[in-house]
Protein backbone atom coordinates (compact mmCIF):
# COMPACT_ATOMS: atom_id res chain seq x y z
CA MET A 1 107.66 103.93 76.87
CA VAL A 2 105.84 106.48 75.12
CA LYS A 3 103.80 108.41 77.61
CA ILE A 4 99.86 109.59 76.25
CA THR A 5 98.08 111.71 78.57
CA ILE A 6 94.33 112.10 78.40
CA ALA A 7 93.16 115.44 79.15
CA GLY A 8 90.33 118.00 79.38
CA ARG A 9 88.03 119.34 81.67
CA PRO A 10 85.70 117.46 84.28
CA ASN A 11 83.25 114.89 83.29
CA THR A 12 83.82 114.43 79.85
CA GLY A 13 84.63 110.74 79.94
CA LYS A 14 88.47 110.89 80.44
CA SER A 15 88.43 108.09 83.13
CA THR A 16 86.26 106.14 81.02
CA LEU A 17 88.83 106.49 78.18
CA PHE A 18 91.25 105.38 80.05
CA ASN A 19 89.59 101.82 81.47
CA ALA A 20 88.74 101.74 77.91
CA LEU A 21 92.46 101.64 76.36
CA THR A 22 93.98 100.05 79.44
CA GLY A 23 91.20 97.05 79.89
CA THR A 24 90.47 98.02 83.44
CA ARG A 25 88.56 99.54 85.62
CA ASP A 26 91.61 100.91 87.60
CA ALA A 27 90.11 104.60 87.27
CA LEU A 28 86.79 105.38 89.34
CA VAL A 29 84.25 106.55 86.96
CA HIS A 30 81.16 108.75 88.16
CA ASP A 31 78.72 111.16 86.84
CA ARG A 32 79.82 113.58 89.47
CA PRO A 33 82.57 115.81 88.13
CA GLY A 34 85.93 115.98 89.76
CA VAL A 35 86.05 112.52 90.85
CA THR A 36 89.61 111.92 89.78
CA ARG A 37 92.52 113.78 91.56
CA ASP A 38 95.40 112.39 91.05
CA THR A 39 97.37 111.16 87.91
CA ILE A 40 96.56 107.21 87.18
CA CYS A 41 98.66 105.26 85.05
CA GLY A 42 98.14 102.52 83.12
CA THR A 43 99.14 100.20 79.83
CA MET A 44 97.86 100.14 76.55
CA ALA A 45 96.08 96.77 76.45
CA LEU A 46 96.74 96.66 72.24
CA ARG A 47 100.44 98.25 73.05
CA PRO A 48 102.31 97.57 75.76
CA ASP A 49 104.83 99.99 74.94
CA CYS A 50 102.25 102.88 75.78
CA GLU A 51 101.57 104.64 78.77
CA ILE A 52 98.40 105.91 78.94
CA ARG A 53 97.70 108.56 82.00
CA ASP A 54 94.21 109.58 83.48
CA THR A 55 94.27 113.01 84.65
CA ALA A 56 92.06 115.02 86.68
CA GLY A 57 89.88 117.51 84.52
CA LEU A 58 90.92 121.06 84.20
CA GLU A 59 89.86 123.59 86.33
CA SER A 60 90.71 127.44 86.96
CA ALA A 61 90.59 126.76 90.61
CA ARG A 62 93.92 129.02 92.61
CA ALA A 63 94.04 127.18 95.43
CA GLY A 64 92.49 123.28 97.24
CA ILE A 65 92.33 119.85 96.13
CA ALA A 66 90.91 120.95 92.84
CA ALA A 67 94.17 123.42 92.10
CA ASP A 68 96.69 120.64 93.33
CA SER A 69 95.03 118.09 90.61
CA THR A 70 94.95 120.58 87.71
CA GLY A 71 98.74 121.27 88.83
CA MET A 72 99.68 117.46 87.93
CA ALA A 73 97.93 116.90 85.35
CA MET A 74 99.40 120.56 83.95
CA ASP A 75 102.93 118.33 84.85
CA ALA A 76 101.28 115.17 82.76
CA ILE A 77 100.57 117.26 79.75
CA ALA A 78 104.06 118.97 79.88
CA SER A 79 106.02 115.39 79.70
CA ALA A 80 103.20 113.63 77.16
CA ASP A 81 104.63 112.51 74.11
CA ALA A 82 100.86 112.57 72.81
CA ILE A 83 97.34 113.96 74.33
CA LEU A 84 94.35 112.86 74.13
CA PHE A 85 92.20 116.04 74.61
CA VAL A 86 88.57 114.96 75.34
CA VAL A 87 85.75 117.38 75.03
CA ASP A 88 81.91 116.29 75.74
CA GLY A 89 79.86 116.15 72.16
CA ARG A 90 76.04 116.10 74.28
CA VAL A 91 77.29 119.38 75.92
CA GLY A 92 79.24 121.20 73.05
CA LEU A 93 81.97 123.43 72.45
CA LEU A 94 82.34 125.87 76.37
CA PRO A 95 84.64 128.31 76.86
CA GLU A 96 86.36 126.49 79.28
CA ASP A 97 87.73 123.97 75.94
CA MET A 98 88.87 126.78 74.50
CA ASP A 99 90.44 128.07 77.54
CA TRP A 100 92.53 124.80 78.42
CA ALA A 101 92.92 124.30 74.57
CA ARG A 102 94.97 127.20 74.41
CA THR A 103 96.87 126.28 77.69
CA VAL A 104 97.79 123.27 76.52
CA ARG A 105 99.26 124.34 73.31
CA ARG A 106 101.24 126.78 75.27
CA LYS A 107 102.56 123.91 78.03
CA THR A 108 103.49 121.48 75.43
CA ARG A 109 104.56 120.55 71.38
CA ALA A 110 103.78 117.14 71.46
CA PRO A 111 100.48 116.08 68.56
CA VAL A 112 97.23 116.11 70.08
CA LEU A 113 94.22 114.30 68.74
CA LEU A 114 90.78 115.92 69.82
CA LEU A 115 87.87 113.43 70.65
CA VAL A 116 84.33 114.39 70.64
CA ASN A 117 82.91 112.07 73.25
CA LYS A 118 79.61 110.98 73.92
CA SER A 119 78.96 110.47 70.47
CA GLU A 120 77.29 107.48 70.45
CA SER A 121 74.07 109.06 69.36
CA GLY A 122 74.09 111.66 66.46
CA LYS A 123 70.57 113.11 67.69
CA ARG A 124 72.25 113.98 71.13
CA LEU A 125 74.96 115.37 69.42
CA SER A 126 76.06 119.51 69.09
CA ASP A 127 77.19 120.99 66.12
CA VAL A 128 80.36 119.64 65.90
CA HIS A 129 82.36 121.44 63.28
CA GLU A 130 82.46 123.97 66.14
CA PHE A 131 85.15 122.41 67.84
CA TYR A 132 87.53 123.14 65.21
CA LYS A 133 87.95 126.17 67.29
CA LEU A 134 89.84 124.25 69.55
CA GLY A 135 93.25 124.46 66.76
CA PHE A 136 93.55 120.79 67.35
CA GLY A 137 92.70 119.68 64.18
CA GLU A 138 89.64 117.33 62.85
CA PRO A 139 87.53 116.13 65.42
CA VAL A 140 87.20 112.53 65.98
CA LEU A 141 83.67 111.12 67.03
CA ILE A 142 84.24 108.50 69.52
CA SER A 143 81.82 106.76 72.16
CA ALA A 144 84.77 105.88 75.20
CA GLU A 145 81.50 104.09 77.12
CA HIS A 146 80.73 101.66 73.88
CA LYS A 147 84.52 101.81 72.75
CA SER A 148 83.54 103.08 69.02
CA GLY A 149 85.92 105.38 66.97
CA PHE A 150 88.90 104.03 68.60
CA ASP A 151 90.76 102.76 65.23
CA ALA A 152 91.55 106.52 64.91
CA ILE A 153 93.09 106.72 68.13
CA PHE A 154 95.17 103.50 67.54
CA ASP A 155 96.27 105.50 64.39
CA PHE A 156 96.98 108.18 65.73
CA ILE A 157 99.29 106.32 68.19
CA GLU A 158 100.60 104.75 65.31
CA HIS A 159 101.90 107.62 63.81
CA VAL A 160 103.15 109.29 67.00
CA VAL A 161 105.06 105.86 67.60
CA PRO A 162 105.51 102.96 65.51
CA ALA A 163 104.85 99.21 67.71
CA PRO A 164 107.98 97.98 67.99
CA GLU A 165 107.68 93.90 66.25
CA ASN A 166 106.72 91.06 68.95
CA THR A 167 105.69 93.88 71.37
CA ILE A 168 105.08 92.15 75.04
CA ASN A 169 104.91 93.81 78.22
CA GLN A 170 107.99 92.92 79.78
CA ASN A 171 108.46 95.55 82.45
CA GLU A 172 105.35 94.64 84.25
CA THR A 173 106.11 90.80 84.67
CA ARG A 174 109.30 92.01 86.54
CA ARG A 175 108.11 94.30 88.81
CA VAL A 176 107.08 93.57 92.71
CA LYS A 177 103.16 94.88 93.08
CA ILE A 178 102.91 96.73 96.39
CA ALA A 179 99.60 97.82 97.69
CA ILE A 180 99.51 100.61 100.13
CA LEU A 181 96.37 99.97 102.74
CA GLY A 182 95.08 102.37 105.32
CA GLN A 183 92.76 104.97 106.99
CA PRO A 184 91.95 108.01 105.22
CA ASN A 185 95.03 109.93 106.42
CA VAL A 186 97.65 107.96 107.70
CA GLY A 187 99.90 108.70 105.29
CA LYS A 188 99.86 106.55 102.42
CA SER A 189 100.54 109.41 99.64
CA THR A 190 102.95 111.03 101.66
CA LEU A 191 104.93 107.62 101.48
CA VAL A 192 104.64 107.48 97.85
CA ASN A 193 105.95 110.66 97.40
CA LYS A 194 108.97 109.77 99.69
CA VAL A 195 109.83 106.88 97.13
CA LEU A 196 109.28 108.55 94.63
CA GLY A 197 111.36 111.57 95.14
CA GLU A 198 108.36 113.72 94.26
CA ASN A 199 105.09 115.40 94.91
CA ARG A 200 103.55 112.96 92.75
CA GLN A 201 100.31 112.24 94.84
CA ILE A 202 97.93 114.96 96.50
CA VAL A 203 98.74 115.13 99.84
CA LYS A 204 96.13 117.19 102.47
CA ASP A 205 95.52 116.99 106.30
CA GLU A 206 92.21 116.01 105.37
CA PRO A 207 90.65 112.50 104.73
CA GLY A 208 89.13 110.87 101.80
CA VAL A 209 91.94 112.73 99.35
CA THR A 210 92.47 110.24 97.29
CA ARG A 211 89.87 108.45 95.72
CA ASP A 212 91.19 106.15 92.74
CA THR A 213 94.02 103.46 93.19
CA VAL A 214 97.38 104.75 91.79
CA LYS A 215 99.70 102.74 89.87
CA ILE A 216 103.36 103.80 90.12
CA PRO A 217 105.78 102.18 88.06
CA VAL A 218 109.38 103.33 89.96
CA LYS A 219 112.85 101.58 90.77
CA PHE A 220 113.27 102.33 94.69
CA TYR A 221 116.30 100.83 96.84
CA GLY A 222 117.48 98.57 93.38
CA ARG A 223 114.31 97.10 92.95
CA ASP A 224 111.67 97.20 90.03
CA ILE A 225 108.41 98.06 91.50
CA LEU A 226 105.09 98.85 91.07
CA LEU A 227 103.58 101.24 93.77
CA MET A 228 99.59 101.51 94.39
CA ASP A 229 98.22 103.76 96.37
CA THR A 230 94.62 103.26 97.84
CA ALA A 231 91.78 105.41 98.81
CA GLY A 232 91.56 105.25 102.76
CA LEU A 233 88.92 102.52 104.38
CA ARG A 234 86.94 104.07 106.89
CA ARG A 235 84.38 101.54 108.40
CA LYS A 236 80.77 101.09 106.60
CA SER A 237 79.04 102.78 109.37
CA ASN A 238 80.87 105.67 108.59
CA VAL A 239 80.63 105.15 104.37
CA ARG A 240 77.82 107.06 103.20
CA ASP A 241 78.93 108.79 99.51
CA ASP A 242 78.60 105.88 97.03
CA VAL A 243 81.84 107.85 95.41
CA GLU A 244 83.65 106.66 98.80
CA THR A 245 82.33 103.31 98.52
CA LEU A 246 83.56 102.92 94.84
CA SER A 247 87.05 103.81 96.16
CA ALA A 248 87.10 101.49 99.05
CA LEU A 249 85.89 98.54 96.68
CA LYS A 250 88.50 99.28 94.92
CA SER A 251 91.20 99.73 97.60
CA LEU A 252 90.23 96.23 98.55
CA ASP A 253 90.32 94.84 95.25
CA ALA A 254 94.05 96.36 95.17
CA ILE A 255 94.94 93.48 97.43
CA GLU A 256 93.99 90.72 94.65
CA LYS A 257 96.23 92.67 92.06
CA SER A 258 99.30 93.01 94.37
CA ASP A 259 101.95 90.56 95.91
CA VAL A 260 102.97 92.85 98.68
CA VAL A 261 100.43 95.02 100.85
CA ILE A 262 101.89 97.76 103.11
CA LEU A 263 99.51 98.12 105.92
CA MET A 264 99.37 101.48 107.47
CA ILE A 265 98.73 102.73 110.77
CA ASP A 266 98.84 105.81 112.41
CA ALA A 267 101.28 105.18 115.63
CA THR A 268 99.78 108.60 117.28
CA ARG A 269 95.95 106.79 117.39
CA ASP A 270 95.15 103.99 118.93
CA ILE A 271 95.37 100.41 117.12
CA GLU A 272 91.72 99.54 115.65
CA ASN A 273 90.03 96.44 114.73
CA GLN A 274 89.11 97.67 111.19
CA ALA A 275 93.72 97.28 110.69
CA LEU A 276 93.15 93.46 111.79
CA GLY A 277 90.20 93.55 109.50
CA ILE A 278 92.40 94.31 106.17
CA ALA A 279 94.86 92.56 107.77
CA ALA A 280 92.40 89.44 107.72
CA ARG A 281 92.02 89.96 103.89
CA VAL A 282 95.39 90.19 103.16
CA TYR A 283 96.13 86.85 104.77
CA GLU A 284 93.25 85.18 103.46
CA ALA A 285 94.30 86.36 99.68
CA GLY A 286 98.09 84.81 100.59
CA LYS A 287 99.86 87.96 99.95
CA ILE A 288 102.83 89.23 102.15
CA LEU A 289 101.71 91.99 104.61
CA CYS A 290 104.25 94.91 105.87
CA VAL A 291 102.40 96.61 108.85
CA ALA A 292 104.00 100.35 108.98
CA LEU A 293 103.50 102.10 112.23
CA ASN A 294 103.96 105.60 110.86
CA LYS A 295 104.32 108.31 112.42
CA TRP A 296 106.93 106.97 114.90
CA ASP A 297 108.80 109.92 115.20
CA LEU A 298 105.70 111.69 116.93
CA VAL A 299 105.62 108.85 119.42
CA ASP A 300 106.55 109.76 123.22
CA ALA A 301 110.16 107.67 123.09
CA ALA A 302 108.53 105.90 126.80
CA GLU A 303 105.58 104.74 124.88
CA ARG A 304 107.14 103.64 121.86
CA ASP A 305 107.72 99.53 123.73
CA GLU A 306 104.40 98.97 125.09
CA LYS A 307 102.48 100.54 122.01
CA LEU A 308 105.02 98.02 119.71
CA LEU A 309 104.58 95.00 121.88
CA LYS A 310 100.42 95.45 121.99
CA LEU A 311 100.42 95.95 118.06
CA LYS A 312 102.45 92.55 117.84
CA HIS A 313 100.12 90.49 120.37
CA HIS A 314 96.85 91.97 118.78
CA PHE A 315 98.46 90.14 115.46
CA THR A 316 99.86 87.37 117.19
CA ASN A 317 96.52 86.09 118.52
CA SER A 318 94.65 86.93 115.61
CA PHE A 319 96.13 85.19 112.90
CA HIS A 320 96.58 81.50 112.39
CA GLN A 321 97.76 81.89 108.91
CA ILE A 322 100.92 83.90 109.79
CA ILE A 323 103.88 82.96 112.76
CA LYS A 324 105.67 86.35 113.01
CA PRO A 325 103.93 89.55 112.11
CA MET A 326 106.14 92.00 109.77
CA ILE A 327 105.70 95.41 111.79
CA LEU A 328 108.33 98.07 111.42
CA ALA A 329 108.30 101.73 112.57
CA ILE A 330 108.51 104.41 110.08
CA SER A 331 107.98 107.50 109.50
CA ALA A 332 106.47 108.81 105.75
CA GLU A 333 106.99 112.26 106.15
CA THR A 334 110.93 112.42 107.14
CA GLY A 335 111.59 109.20 105.66
CA THR A 336 113.05 107.17 108.96
CA GLY A 337 113.04 103.88 107.91
CA VAL A 338 111.62 103.49 104.68
CA GLN A 339 113.97 102.42 103.17
CA ASN A 340 114.76 99.21 105.52
CA MET A 341 111.06 98.64 105.16
CA PHE A 342 111.59 98.40 101.55
CA LYS A 343 114.44 95.95 102.85
CA ARG A 344 112.74 93.74 104.35
CA ILE A 345 109.94 93.43 102.10
CA TYR A 346 112.34 92.70 98.97
CA GLU A 347 114.07 89.84 101.81
CA GLN A 348 110.41 88.31 101.77
CA TRP A 349 109.42 88.60 98.25
CA ASP A 350 112.74 86.86 97.29
CA ILE A 351 112.14 84.20 100.17
CA SER A 352 108.53 83.41 99.17
CA MET A 353 110.22 83.06 95.07
CA ALA A 354 112.19 80.00 96.17
CA THR A 355 110.99 76.65 95.58
CA VAL A 356 112.40 74.21 98.79
CA PRO A 357 113.30 71.01 97.69
CA THR A 358 111.19 68.40 98.25
CA SER A 359 113.65 66.09 100.12
CA LEU A 360 114.53 69.01 102.44
CA ILE A 361 110.47 69.31 103.36
CA ASN A 362 109.91 65.91 103.96
CA LYS A 363 113.49 65.98 106.37
CA ILE A 364 111.42 68.99 108.23
CA VAL A 365 108.09 67.05 108.66
CA GLY A 366 109.81 64.02 109.22
CA GLU A 367 111.51 65.75 112.68
CA LEU A 368 108.51 67.27 113.28
CA VAL A 369 106.64 64.44 113.31
CA GLU A 370 109.41 62.55 115.33
CA LYS A 371 108.82 64.90 118.04
CA ARG A 372 105.04 65.04 118.39
CA GLN A 373 102.81 61.94 116.61
CA PRO A 374 100.06 63.03 115.11
CA PRO A 375 96.43 62.21 116.88
CA MET A 376 94.39 59.00 116.26
CA SER A 377 91.67 59.14 113.89
CA ARG A 378 88.27 59.13 114.92
CA LEU A 379 88.48 55.14 114.45
CA LYS A 380 91.56 55.15 116.75
CA ARG A 381 93.50 54.30 113.96
CA PRO A 382 96.69 56.12 113.47
CA MET A 383 97.36 58.18 111.43
CA LYS A 384 100.16 58.25 109.08
CA ILE A 385 102.16 61.18 107.75
CA LYS A 386 103.69 59.58 104.24
CA PHE A 387 105.20 62.29 102.16
CA ALA A 388 104.86 65.86 101.58
CA SER A 389 105.88 68.68 99.16
CA GLN A 390 105.89 72.21 97.97
CA THR A 391 103.04 72.70 95.66
CA GLY A 392 102.50 76.54 95.36
CA ARG A 393 103.83 79.62 96.31
CA HIS A 394 101.97 83.11 97.01
CA PRO A 395 100.94 81.97 99.42
CA MET A 396 103.50 78.92 100.59
CA GLN A 397 101.75 76.05 100.03
CA ILE A 398 102.59 72.28 101.26
CA THR A 399 100.97 69.34 100.72
CA ILE A 400 101.26 66.28 102.65
CA ASN A 401 99.76 62.78 101.81
CA VAL A 402 98.35 61.17 105.03
CA GLY A 403 96.12 58.70 105.72
CA GLY A 404 92.54 59.87 107.69
CA ALA A 405 93.54 63.34 105.86
CA SER A 406 90.24 64.34 106.95
CA ASP A 407 90.53 63.43 110.70
CA ILE A 408 94.02 65.80 111.47
CA PRO A 409 92.98 68.37 113.70
CA GLU A 410 93.91 72.70 113.63
CA SER A 411 95.77 72.26 116.46
CA TYR A 412 98.14 69.90 114.89
CA THR A 413 98.12 71.66 111.55
CA ARG A 414 99.37 74.59 113.35
CA TYR A 415 102.13 72.49 114.97
CA LEU A 416 103.69 72.02 111.56
CA ARG A 417 103.14 75.21 110.37
CA ARG A 418 104.80 76.93 112.78
CA GLY A 419 107.39 74.05 112.60
CA LEU A 420 107.93 74.79 108.51
CA ALA A 421 108.08 78.19 109.22
CA THR A 422 110.75 78.32 111.52
CA ALA A 423 113.37 75.95 109.71
CA LEU A 424 112.55 77.52 106.32
CA LYS A 425 112.43 81.16 107.20
CA TRP A 426 109.02 81.67 106.58
CA GLU A 427 107.71 83.13 109.90
CA HIS A 428 106.62 86.62 107.75
CA LEU A 429 104.69 84.44 104.67
CA PRO A 430 101.44 83.11 105.08
CA ILE A 431 101.64 79.30 104.96
CA THR A 432 98.62 76.93 104.00
CA ILE A 433 98.34 73.24 104.25
CA GLU A 434 96.32 70.51 102.75
CA TYR A 435 96.43 66.96 103.39
CA LYS A 436 95.84 64.42 100.32
CA LYS A 437 94.68 60.78 101.02
CA ALA A 438 97.52 59.00 98.51
CA ASP A 439 100.49 56.47 98.22
CA ASN A 440 104.16 57.50 98.56
CA PRO A 441 105.05 57.92 95.03
CA PHE A 442 108.53 56.92 96.10
CA ASP A 443 107.24 53.72 98.18
């Protein structure tokens, strides 16, 4: 896949351009400079064979998060097949633009397209000709916000690498999408780096380092997956910054876009209700949930059994959608338990991809009904379960044709759900059961 990196100093509109080219809102956009910290990857909407990479604004900091972000941006520049160098047309040419242009030329021999952003109003533009001083040739006027001037970008990419015939995004459909959620500083980015085998994500002993939801395609333990590293989720009462609010919304949106969610919990802390709240969102969305007890190596051996039992008790008693929560102890720092966790996740994904024969569903439901008859309806009439079939996956959905469907109590639904989950090895998967008043098609 062709790698195209968007680069430039802070607040020139790189993230807005990324979102426009990918047709997403994956990159966090804010007027404040320095919001983007990690390198974010996405597929170009009109060229699925091209990977667009949004980088942090280039800064001359020698230490701290800004220095780490700039270092990662330079790595993305060095490995790129083409560069989109973005400057601010309203502000004009700055010394920092000159400095970073020289750095880019030293770092890579990849072709560079100079984009003068925020050019929607000619009256507010500074002298465009001064941008020739950057040494990247003719500046191209664009507006990332209004998606104007993009023809030059498409022509540039076409020149760098001609589009293959019948281009389709084949990789995206094959990858299992795994979102990593949790409170700040529980080790989400550390886990991502361990899976990647490199320091791709910034890791600091302070909360709030990750702001965007960063999507990273990778092959791990024999599978093609798409990892989604998200910003830490704090209690609403503790969130007073609008950037953090936007980050939290993107984290929650990652649940909907994922197939599997890894909910990371710091095993050295007490389990908070917020973790159960995140789990509730995951189950309601019908996603596979794996609870990762991170930093397990730091927990005293004498406390481990009690802590694990307590967490399982919380989940078992809090959610009717799941029969047996998948709770695994890991250490993202050392890698202990990480491969086993992904093995278990893959197993559950494979199970969730299968369609169970209708004859088997009916056999299981019939045996359950024989053991425990459904209750009488409000009109004191017997309710007869006639026919059952699997009608959906992710979540696993069973539709049962029955007389008096509105009268089936939740307690009996839970009985059927538990019985089906046990028989079909769906204990770790969310299951929904719906009732339908209809005749048995085999009558």
